[in-house]
């Protein structure tokens, strides 16, 4: 997300902030209504970010009442990498 913010900000001042705001708005929508988004690859759901070419992939843990955002993914990238989780 930080790299994407910087890329957009370098093109137009404030555009990175608009990206961040759009992602956070979608995250809030996911938190409020997690089941409205389609399952794309079980058990992961995807929600398109408004205006920007990104999707948020998430996984719902109903018993724990937890939603884990797996990635904020640019749609032009290799979709095979969308669900890879890097552990550092």
PDB file of N, CA and C in Angstrom:
ATOM      1  N   UNK A   1       0.821  -1.182   0.000  1.00  0.00           N
ATOM      2  CA  UNK A   1       0.000   0.000   0.000  1.00  0.00           C
ATOM      3  C   UNK A   1       0.867   1.249   0.000  1.00  0.00           C
ATOM      4  N   UNK A   2       1.950   1.218   0.750  1.00  0.00           N
ATOM      5  CA  UNK A   2       2.833   2.390   0.819  1.00  0.00           C
ATOM      6  C   UNK A   2       3.454   2.692  -0.545  1.00  0.00           C
ATOM      7  N   UNK A   3       3.867   1.661  -1.253  1.00  0.00           N
ATOM      8  CA  UNK A   3       4.470   1.857  -2.574  1.00  0.00           C
ATOM      9  C   UNK A   3       3.442   2.418  -3.558  1.00  0.00           C
ATOM     10  N   UNK A   4       2.227   1.946  -3.478  1.00  0.00           N
ATOM     11  CA  UNK A   4       1.167   2.450  -4.365  1.00  0.00           C
ATOM     12  C   UNK A   4       0.835   3.901  -4.031  1.00  0.00           C
ATOM     13  N   UNK A   5       0.769   4.213  -2.737  1.00  0.00           N
ATOM     14  CA  UNK A   5       0.519   5.592  -2.328  1.00  0.00           C
ATOM     15  C   UNK A   5       1.581   6.506  -2.918  1.00  0.00           C
ATOM     16  N   UNK A   6       2.849   6.114  -2.770  1.00  0.00           N
ATOM     17  CA  UNK A   6       3.957   6.924  -3.267  1.00  0.00           C
ATOM     18  C   UNK A   6       3.888   7.090  -4.785  1.00  0.00           C
ATOM     19  N   UNK A   7       3.584   6.014  -5.505  1.00  0.00           N
ATOM     20  CA  UNK A   7       3.496   6.067  -6.966  1.00  0.00           C
ATOM     21  C   UNK A   7       2.446   7.091  -7.394  1.00  0.00           C
ATOM     22  N   UNK A   8       1.261   7.028  -6.785  1.00  0.00           N
ATOM     23  CA  UNK A   8       0.200   7.966  -7.136  1.00  0.00           C
ATOM     24  C   UNK A   8       0.550   9.391  -6.709  1.00  0.00           C
ATOM     25  N   UNK A   9       1.157   9.531  -5.558  1.00  0.00           N
ATOM     26  CA  UNK A   9       1.507  10.854  -5.047  1.00  0.00           C
ATOM     27  C   UNK A   9       2.557  11.533  -5.931  1.00  0.00           C
ATOM     28  N   UNK A  10       3.463  10.743  -6.493  1.00  0.00           N
ATOM     29  CA  UNK A  10       4.480  11.292  -7.389  1.00  0.00           C
ATOM     30  C   UNK A  10       3.857  11.804  -8.691  1.00  0.00           C
ATOM     31  N   UNK A  11       2.744  11.237  -9.089  1.00  0.00           N
ATOM     32  CA  UNK A  11       2.089  11.672 -10.310  1.00  0.00           C
ATOM     33  C   UNK A  11       1.263  12.929 -10.097  1.00  0.00           C
ATOM     34  N   UNK A  12       0.614  13.011  -8.949  1.00  0.00           N
ATOM     35  CA  UNK A  12      -0.203  14.190  -8.636  1.00  0.00           C
ATOM     36  C   UNK A  12      -0.335  14.300  -7.121  1.00  0.00           C
ATOM     37  N   UNK A  13       0.055  15.442  -6.596  1.00  0.00           N
ATOM     38  CA  UNK A  13      -0.022  15.646  -5.153  1.00  0.00           C
ATOM     39  C   UNK A  13      -1.465  15.480  -4.674  1.00  0.00           C
ATOM     40  N   UNK A  14      -1.652  14.665  -3.653  1.00  0.00           N
ATOM     41  CA  UNK A  14      -2.972  14.396  -3.099  1.00  0.00           C
ATOM     42  C   UNK A  14      -3.632  13.144  -3.648  1.00  0.00           C
ATOM     43  N   UNK A  15      -3.125  12.636  -4.772  1.00  0.00           N
ATOM     44  CA  UNK A  15      -3.727  11.444  -5.378  1.00  0.00           C
ATOM     45  C   UNK A  15      -3.464  10.203  -4.521  1.00  0.00           C
ATOM     46  N   UNK A  16      -2.302  10.122  -3.907  1.00  0.00           N
ATOM     47  CA  UNK A  16      -2.007   9.014  -2.999  1.00  0.00           C
ATOM     48  C   UNK A  16      -2.952   9.019  -1.807  1.00  0.00           C
ATOM     49  N   UNK A  17      -3.248  10.217  -1.304  1.00  0.00           N
ATOM     50  CA  UNK A  17      -4.192  10.333  -0.192  1.00  0.00           C
ATOM     51  C   UNK A  17      -5.598   9.912  -0.613  1.00  0.00           C
ATOM     52  N   UNK A  18      -5.970  10.226  -1.849  1.00  0.00           N
ATOM     53  CA  UNK A  18      -7.279   9.800  -2.358  1.00  0.00           C
ATOM     54  C   UNK A  18      -7.341   8.277  -2.456  1.00  0.00           C
ATOM     55  N   UNK A  19      -6.246   7.644  -2.895  1.00  0.00           N
ATOM     56  CA  UNK A  19      -6.179   6.179  -2.934  1.00  0.00           C
ATOM     57  C   UNK A  19      -6.361   5.607  -1.532  1.00  0.00           C
ATOM     58  N   UNK A  20      -5.596   6.141  -0.575  1.00  0.00           N
ATOM     59  CA  UNK A  20      -5.670   5.652   0.797  1.00  0.00           C
ATOM     60  C   UNK A  20      -7.089   5.801   1.346  1.00  0.00           C
ATOM     61  N   UNK A  21      -7.718   6.941   1.084  1.00  0.00           N
ATOM     62  CA  UNK A  21      -9.075   7.183   1.551  1.00  0.00           C
ATOM     63  C   UNK A  21     -10.062   6.187   0.929  1.00  0.00           C
ATOM     64  N   UNK A  22      -9.914   5.935  -0.377  1.00  0.00           N
ATOM     65  CA  UNK A  22     -10.801   4.983  -1.058  1.00  0.00           C
ATOM     66  C   UNK A  22     -10.639   3.572  -0.493  1.00  0.00           C
ATOM     67  N   UNK A  23      -9.393   3.177  -0.208  1.00  0.00           N
ATOM     68  CA  UNK A  23      -9.139   1.852   0.372  1.00  0.00           C
ATOM     69  C   UNK A  23      -9.751   1.769   1.765  1.00  0.00           C
ATOM     70  N   UNK A  24      -9.575   2.809   2.574  1.00  0.00           N
ATOM     71  CA  UNK A  24     -10.125   2.785   3.932  1.00  0.00           C
ATOM     72  C   UNK A  24     -11.657   2.777   3.919  1.00  0.00           C
ATOM     73  N   UNK A  25     -12.264   3.500   2.987  1.00  0.00           N
ATOM     74  CA  UNK A  25     -13.724   3.473   2.871  1.00  0.00           C
ATOM     75  C   UNK A  25     -14.208   2.061   2.546  1.00  0.00           C
ATOM     76  N   UNK A  26     -13.505   1.391   1.637  1.00  0.00           N
ATOM     77  CA  UNK A  26     -13.898   0.030   1.271  1.00  0.00           C
ATOM     78  C   UNK A  26     -13.667  -0.924   2.440  1.00  0.00           C
ATOM     79  N   UNK A  27     -12.589  -0.716   3.189  1.00  0.00           N
ATOM     80  CA  UNK A  27     -12.331  -1.558   4.374  1.00  0.00           C
ATOM     81  C   UNK A  27     -13.455  -1.397   5.399  1.00  0.00           C
ATOM     82  N   UNK A  28     -13.930  -0.176   5.568  1.00  0.00           N
ATOM     83  CA  UNK A  28     -15.058   0.056   6.481  1.00  0.00           C
ATOM     84  C   UNK A  28     -16.321  -0.644   5.989  1.00  0.00           C
ATOM     85  N   UNK A  29     -16.549  -0.608   4.683  1.00  0.00           N
ATOM     86  CA  UNK A  29     -17.701  -1.308   4.112  1.00  0.00           C
ATOM     87  C   UNK A  29     -17.586  -2.808   4.342  1.00  0.00           C
ATOM     88  N   UNK A  30     -16.388  -3.344   4.154  1.00  0.00           N
ATOM     89  CA  UNK A  30     -16.150  -4.779   4.405  1.00  0.00           C
ATOM     90  C   UNK A  30     -16.443  -5.100   5.866  1.00  0.00           C
ATOM     91  N   UNK A  31     -15.964  -4.257   6.776  1.00  0.00           N
ATOM     92  CA  UNK A  31     -16.169  -4.497   8.212  1.00  0.00           C
ATOM     93  C   UNK A  31     -17.653  -4.479   8.578  1.00  0.00           C
ATOM     94  N   UNK A  32     -18.405  -3.585   7.951  1.00  0.00           N
ATOM     95  CA  UNK A  32     -19.831  -3.457   8.259  1.00  0.00           C
ATOM     96  C   UNK A  32     -20.680  -4.550   7.606  1.00  0.00           C
ATOM     97  N   UNK A  33     -20.284  -4.998   6.402  1.00  0.00           N
ATOM     98  CA  UNK A  33     -21.074  -5.970   5.621  1.00  0.00           C
ATOM     99  C   UNK A  33     -20.170  -6.985   4.928  1.00  0.00           C
ATOM    100  N   UNK A  34     -19.453  -7.794   5.662  1.00  0.00           N
ATOM    101  CA  UNK A  34     -18.454  -8.668   5.030  1.00  0.00           C
ATOM    102  C   UNK A  34     -19.022  -9.700   4.059  1.00  0.00           C
ATOM    103  N   UNK A  35     -20.257 -10.123   4.252  1.00  0.00           N
ATOM    104  CA  UNK A  35     -20.815 -11.181   3.409  1.00  0.00           C
ATOM    105  C   UNK A  35     -21.351 -10.688   2.063  1.00  0.00           C
ATOM    106  N   UNK A  36     -21.377  -9.373   1.822  1.00  0.00           N
ATOM    107  CA  UNK A  36     -21.942  -8.893   0.560  1.00  0.00           C
ATOM    108  C   UNK A  36     -20.980  -9.041  -0.613  1.00  0.00           C
ATOM    109  N   UNK A  37     -19.707  -9.280  -0.321  1.00  0.00           N
ATOM    110  CA  UNK A  37     -18.720  -9.389  -1.399  1.00  0.00           C
ATOM    111  C   UNK A  37     -18.555 -10.843  -1.830  1.00  0.00           C
ATOM    112  N   UNK A  38     -18.286 -11.022  -3.106  1.00  0.00           N
ATOM    113  CA  UNK A  38     -18.221 -12.354  -3.706  1.00  0.00           C
ATOM    114  C   UNK A  38     -16.997 -13.134  -3.269  1.00  0.00           C
ATOM    115  N   UNK A  39     -17.194 -14.435  -3.091  1.00  0.00           N
ATOM    116  CA  UNK A  39     -16.067 -15.333  -2.867  1.00  0.00           C
ATOM    117  C   UNK A  39     -15.454 -15.593  -4.244  1.00  0.00           C
ATOM    118  N   UNK A  40     -14.195 -15.253  -4.397  1.00  0.00           N
ATOM    119  CA  UNK A  40     -13.512 -15.420  -5.686  1.00  0.00           C
ATOM    120  C   UNK A  40     -12.655 -16.677  -5.696  1.00  0.00           C
ATOM    121  N   UNK A  41     -12.069 -16.980  -4.578  1.00  0.00           N
ATOM    122  CA  UNK A  41     -11.248 -18.187  -4.427  1.00  0.00           C
ATOM    123  C   UNK A  41     -11.402 -18.607  -2.973  1.00  0.00           C
ATOM    124  N   UNK A  42     -12.192 -19.630  -2.761  1.00  0.00           N
ATOM    125  CA  UNK A  42     -12.547 -20.053  -1.414  1.00  0.00           C
ATOM    126  C   UNK A  42     -11.313 -20.197  -0.532  1.00  0.00           C
ATOM    127  N   UNK A  43     -11.279 -19.589   0.622  1.00  0.00           N
ATOM    128  CA  UNK A  43     -12.309 -18.850   1.360  1.00  0.00           C
ATOM    129  C   UNK A  43     -12.194 -17.332   1.215  1.00  0.00           C
ATOM    130  N   UNK A  44     -11.529 -16.846   0.193  1.00  0.00           N
ATOM    131  CA  UNK A  44     -11.254 -15.417   0.056  1.00  0.00           C
ATOM    132  C   UNK A  44     -12.337 -14.686  -0.726  1.00  0.00           C
ATOM    133  N   UNK A  45     -12.654 -13.507  -0.255  1.00  0.00           N
ATOM    134  CA  UNK A  45     -13.597 -12.619  -0.925  1.00  0.00           C
ATOM    135  C   UNK A  45     -12.826 -11.440  -1.503  1.00  0.00           C
ATOM    136  N   UNK A  46     -13.437 -10.760  -2.456  1.00  0.00           N
ATOM    137  CA  UNK A  46     -12.802  -9.590  -3.049  1.00  0.00           C
ATOM    138  C   UNK A  46     -13.792  -8.439  -3.128  1.00  0.00           C
ATOM    139  N   UNK A  47     -13.269  -7.250  -2.830  1.00  0.00           N
ATOM    140  CA  UNK A  47     -14.061  -6.031  -2.933  1.00  0.00           C
ATOM    141  C   UNK A  47     -13.282  -5.037  -3.780  1.00  0.00           C
ATOM    142  N   UNK A  48     -13.922  -4.529  -4.837  1.00  0.00           N
ATOM    143  CA  UNK A  48     -13.273  -3.541  -5.706  1.00  0.00           C
ATOM    144  C   UNK A  48     -13.222  -2.194  -5.000  1.00  0.00           C
ATOM    145  N   UNK A  49     -12.084  -1.532  -5.133  1.00  0.00           N
ATOM    146  CA  UNK A  49     -11.914  -0.188  -4.589  1.00  0.00           C
ATOM    147  C   UNK A  49     -12.453   0.801  -5.614  1.00  0.00           C
ATOM    148  N   UNK A  50     -13.269   1.729  -5.167  1.00  0.00           N
ATOM    149  CA  UNK A  50     -13.850   2.725  -6.065  1.00  0.00           C
ATOM    150  C   UNK A  50     -12.767   3.587  -6.700  1.00  0.00           C
ATOM    151  N   UNK A  51     -12.938   3.879  -7.978  1.00  0.00           N
ATOM    152  CA  UNK A  51     -12.114   4.779  -8.777  1.00  0.00           C
ATOM    153  C   UNK A  51     -10.739   4.207  -9.128  1.00  0.00           C
ATOM    154  N   UNK A  52     -10.074   3.533  -8.210  1.00  0.00           N
ATOM    155  CA  UNK A  52      -8.721   3.027  -8.442  1.00  0.00           C
ATOM    156  C   UNK A  52      -8.759   1.543  -8.837  1.00  0.00           C
ATOM    157  N   UNK A  53      -7.759   1.092  -9.611  1.00  0.00           N
ATOM    158  CA  UNK A  53      -7.745  -0.306 -10.077  1.00  0.00           C
ATOM    159  C   UNK A  53      -7.172  -1.277  -9.038  1.00  0.00           C
ATOM    160  N   UNK A  54      -7.820  -1.341  -7.891  1.00  0.00           N
ATOM    161  CA  UNK A  54      -7.385  -2.212  -6.808  1.00  0.00           C
ATOM    162  C   UNK A  54      -8.558  -3.033  -6.310  1.00  0.00           C
ATOM    163  N   UNK A  55      -8.243  -4.206  -5.768  1.00  0.00           N
ATOM    164  CA  UNK A  55      -9.217  -5.008  -5.036  1.00  0.00           C
ATOM    165  C   UNK A  55      -8.623  -5.332  -3.677  1.00  0.00           C
ATOM    166  N   UNK A  56      -9.496  -5.510  -2.716  1.00  0.00           N
ATOM    167  CA  UNK A  56      -9.085  -5.938  -1.384  1.00  0.00           C
ATOM    168  C   UNK A  56      -9.526  -7.390  -1.236  1.00  0.00           C
ATOM    169  N   UNK A  57      -8.573  -8.263  -1.011  1.00  0.00           N
ATOM    170  CA  UNK A  57      -8.873  -9.675  -0.779  1.00  0.00           C
ATOM    171  C   UNK A  57      -8.902  -9.890   0.732  1.00  0.00           C
ATOM    172  N   UNK A  58      -9.946 -10.552   1.206  1.00  0.00           N
ATOM    173  CA  UNK A  58     -10.047 -10.771   2.644  1.00  0.00           C
ATOM    174  C   UNK A  58     -10.576 -12.167   2.947  1.00  0.00           C
ATOM    175  N   UNK A  59     -10.396 -12.554   4.182  1.00  0.00           N
ATOM    176  CA  UNK A  59     -10.861 -13.847   4.672  1.00  0.00           C
ATOM    177  C   UNK A  59     -11.630 -13.596   5.961  1.00  0.00           C
ATOM    178  N   UNK A  60     -12.800 -14.213   6.062  1.00  0.00           N
ATOM    179  CA  UNK A  60     -13.650 -14.044   7.238  1.00  0.00           C
ATOM    180  C   UNK A  60     -13.493 -15.255   8.155  1.00  0.00           C
ATOM    181  N   UNK A  61     -13.264 -14.978   9.434  1.00  0.00           N
ATOM    182  CA  UNK A  61     -13.233 -16.002  10.475  1.00  0.00           C
ATOM    183  C   UNK A  61     -14.478 -15.773  11.337  1.00  0.00           C
ATOM    184  N   UNK A  62     -15.568 -16.463  11.005  1.00  0.00           N
ATOM    185  CA  UNK A  62     -16.848 -16.208  11.674  1.00  0.00           C
ATOM    186  C   UNK A  62     -16.816 -16.545  13.164  1.00  0.00           C
ATOM    187  N   UNK A  63     -16.183 -17.642  13.527  1.00  0.00           N
ATOM    188  CA  UNK A  63     -16.146 -18.018  14.954  1.00  0.00           C
ATOM    189  C   UNK A  63     -15.390 -16.995  15.788  1.00  0.00           C
ATOM    190  N   UNK A  64     -14.328 -16.457  15.229  1.00  0.00           N
ATOM    191  CA  UNK A  64     -13.526 -15.453  15.943  1.00  0.00           C
ATOM    192  C   UNK A  64     -14.089 -14.043  15.769  1.00  0.00           C
ATOM    193  N   UNK A  65     -15.072 -13.908  14.870  1.00  0.00           N
ATOM    194  CA  UNK A  65     -15.629 -12.599  14.518  1.00  0.00           C
ATOM    195  C   UNK A  65     -14.508 -11.659  14.076  1.00  0.00           C
ATOM    196  N   UNK A  66     -13.749 -12.155  13.085  1.00  0.00           N
ATOM    197  CA  UNK A  66     -12.558 -11.455  12.617  1.00  0.00           C
ATOM    198  C   UNK A  66     -12.526 -11.460  11.089  1.00  0.00           C
ATOM    199  N   UNK A  67     -12.095 -10.359  10.512  1.00  0.00           N
ATOM    200  CA  UNK A  67     -11.873 -10.267   9.073  1.00  0.00           C
ATOM    201  C   UNK A  67     -10.404  -9.928   8.871  1.00  0.00           C
ATOM    202  N   UNK A  68      -9.730 -10.729   8.070  1.00  0.00           N
ATOM    203  CA  UNK A  68      -8.312 -10.498   7.792  1.00  0.00           C
ATOM    204  C   UNK A  68      -8.164 -10.019   6.348  1.00  0.00           C
ATOM    205  N   UNK A  69      -7.619  -8.813   6.181  1.00  0.00           N
ATOM    206  CA  UNK A  69      -7.320  -8.326   4.839  1.00  0.00           C
ATOM    207  C   UNK A  69      -6.028  -9.004   4.393  1.00  0.00           C
ATOM    208  N   UNK A  70      -6.122  -9.798   3.346  1.00  0.00           N
ATOM    209  CA  UNK A  70      -4.972 -10.545   2.837  1.00  0.00           C
ATOM    210  C   UNK A  70      -4.105  -9.657   1.960  1.00  0.00           C
ATOM    211  N   UNK A  71      -4.752  -8.852   1.095  1.00  0.00           N
ATOM    212  CA  UNK A  71      -3.984  -7.959   0.224  1.00  0.00           C
ATOM    213  C   UNK A  71      -4.837  -6.831  -0.310  1.00  0.00           C
ATOM    214  N   UNK A  72      -4.157  -5.730  -0.614  1.00  0.00           N
ATOM    215  CA  UNK A  72      -4.719  -4.647  -1.408  1.00  0.00           C
ATOM    216  C   UNK A  72      -3.945  -4.770  -2.708  1.00  0.00           C
ATOM    217  N   UNK A  73      -4.638  -5.228  -3.744  1.00  0.00           N
ATOM    218  CA  UNK A  73      -3.965  -5.739  -4.932  1.00  0.00           C
ATOM    219  C   UNK A  73      -4.317  -4.939  -6.181  1.00  0.00           C
ATOM    220  N   UNK A  74      -3.294  -4.496  -6.920  1.00  0.00           N
ATOM    221  CA  UNK A  74      -3.518  -3.781  -8.180  1.00  0.00           C
ATOM    222  C   UNK A  74      -3.967  -4.793  -9.228  1.00  0.00           C
ATOM    223  N   UNK A  75      -5.024  -4.478  -9.928  1.00  0.00           N
ATOM    224  CA  UNK A  75      -5.642  -5.445 -10.841  1.00  0.00           C
ATOM    225  C   UNK A  75      -4.824  -5.757 -12.088  1.00  0.00           C
ATOM    226  N   UNK A  76      -3.781  -4.981 -12.368  1.00  0.00           N
ATOM    227  CA  UNK A  76      -2.953  -5.286 -13.538  1.00  0.00           C
ATOM    228  C   UNK A  76      -1.808  -6.246 -13.206  1.00  0.00           C
ATOM    229  N   UNK A  77      -1.652  -6.575 -11.946  1.00  0.00           N
ATOM    230  CA  UNK A  77      -0.580  -7.489 -11.537  1.00  0.00           C
ATOM    231  C   UNK A  77      -1.000  -8.941 -11.745  1.00  0.00           C
ATOM    232  N   UNK A  78      -0.030  -9.832 -11.622  1.00  0.00           N
ATOM    233  CA  UNK A  78      -0.277 -11.262 -11.797  1.00  0.00           C
ATOM    234  C   UNK A  78      -1.273 -11.745 -10.727  1.00  0.00           C
ATOM    235  N   UNK A  79      -2.460 -12.186 -11.121  1.00  0.00           N
ATOM    236  CA  UNK A  79      -3.468 -12.576 -10.130  1.00  0.00           C
ATOM    237  C   UNK A  79      -3.067 -13.777  -9.277  1.00  0.00           C
ATOM    238  N   UNK A  80      -2.095 -14.540  -9.717  1.00  0.00           N
ATOM    239  CA  UNK A  80      -1.637 -15.680  -8.915  1.00  0.00           C
ATOM    240  C   UNK A  80      -0.991 -15.224  -7.615  1.00  0.00           C
ATOM    241  N   UNK A  81      -0.519 -13.984  -7.568  1.00  0.00           N
ATOM    242  CA  UNK A  81       0.146 -13.467  -6.376  1.00  0.00           C
ATOM    243  C   UNK A  81      -0.819 -12.782  -5.397  1.00  0.00           C
ATOM    244  N   UNK A  82      -2.073 -12.694  -5.783  1.00  0.00           N
ATOM    245  CA  UNK A  82      -3.052 -11.970  -4.971  1.00  0.00           C
ATOM    246  C   UNK A  82      -3.221 -12.548  -3.572  1.00  0.00           C
ATOM    247  N   UNK A  83      -3.147 -13.855  -3.465  1.00  0.00           N
ATOM    248  CA  UNK A  83      -3.429 -14.495  -2.182  1.00  0.00           C
ATOM    249  C   UNK A  83      -2.175 -14.981  -1.455  1.00  0.00           C
ATOM    250  N   UNK A  84      -1.007 -14.603  -1.962  1.00  0.00           N
ATOM    251  CA  UNK A  84       0.227 -14.979  -1.270  1.00  0.00           C
ATOM    252  C   UNK A  84       0.416 -14.072  -0.076  1.00  0.00           C
ATOM    253  N   UNK A  85       0.716 -14.661   1.034  1.00  0.00           N
ATOM    254  CA  UNK A  85       0.912 -13.897   2.255  1.00  0.00           C
ATOM    255  C   UNK A  85       2.391 -13.932   2.596  1.00  0.00           C
ATOM    256  N   UNK A  86       3.003 -12.748   2.696  1.00  0.00           N
ATOM    257  CA  UNK A  86       4.413 -12.674   3.071  1.00  0.00           C
ATOM    258  C   UNK A  86       4.504 -12.566   4.589  1.00  0.00           C
ATOM    259  N   UNK A  87       5.294 -13.425   5.164  1.00  0.00           N
ATOM    260  CA  UNK A  87       5.522 -13.385   6.602  1.00  0.00           C
ATOM    261  C   UNK A  87       6.934 -12.894   6.815  1.00  0.00           C
ATOM    262  N   UNK A  88       7.063 -11.828   7.584  1.00  0.00           N
ATOM    263  CA  UNK A  88       8.396 -11.249   7.834  1.00  0.00           C
ATOM    264  C   UNK A  88       8.759 -11.358   9.270  1.00  0.00           C
TER     265      UNK A  88
END
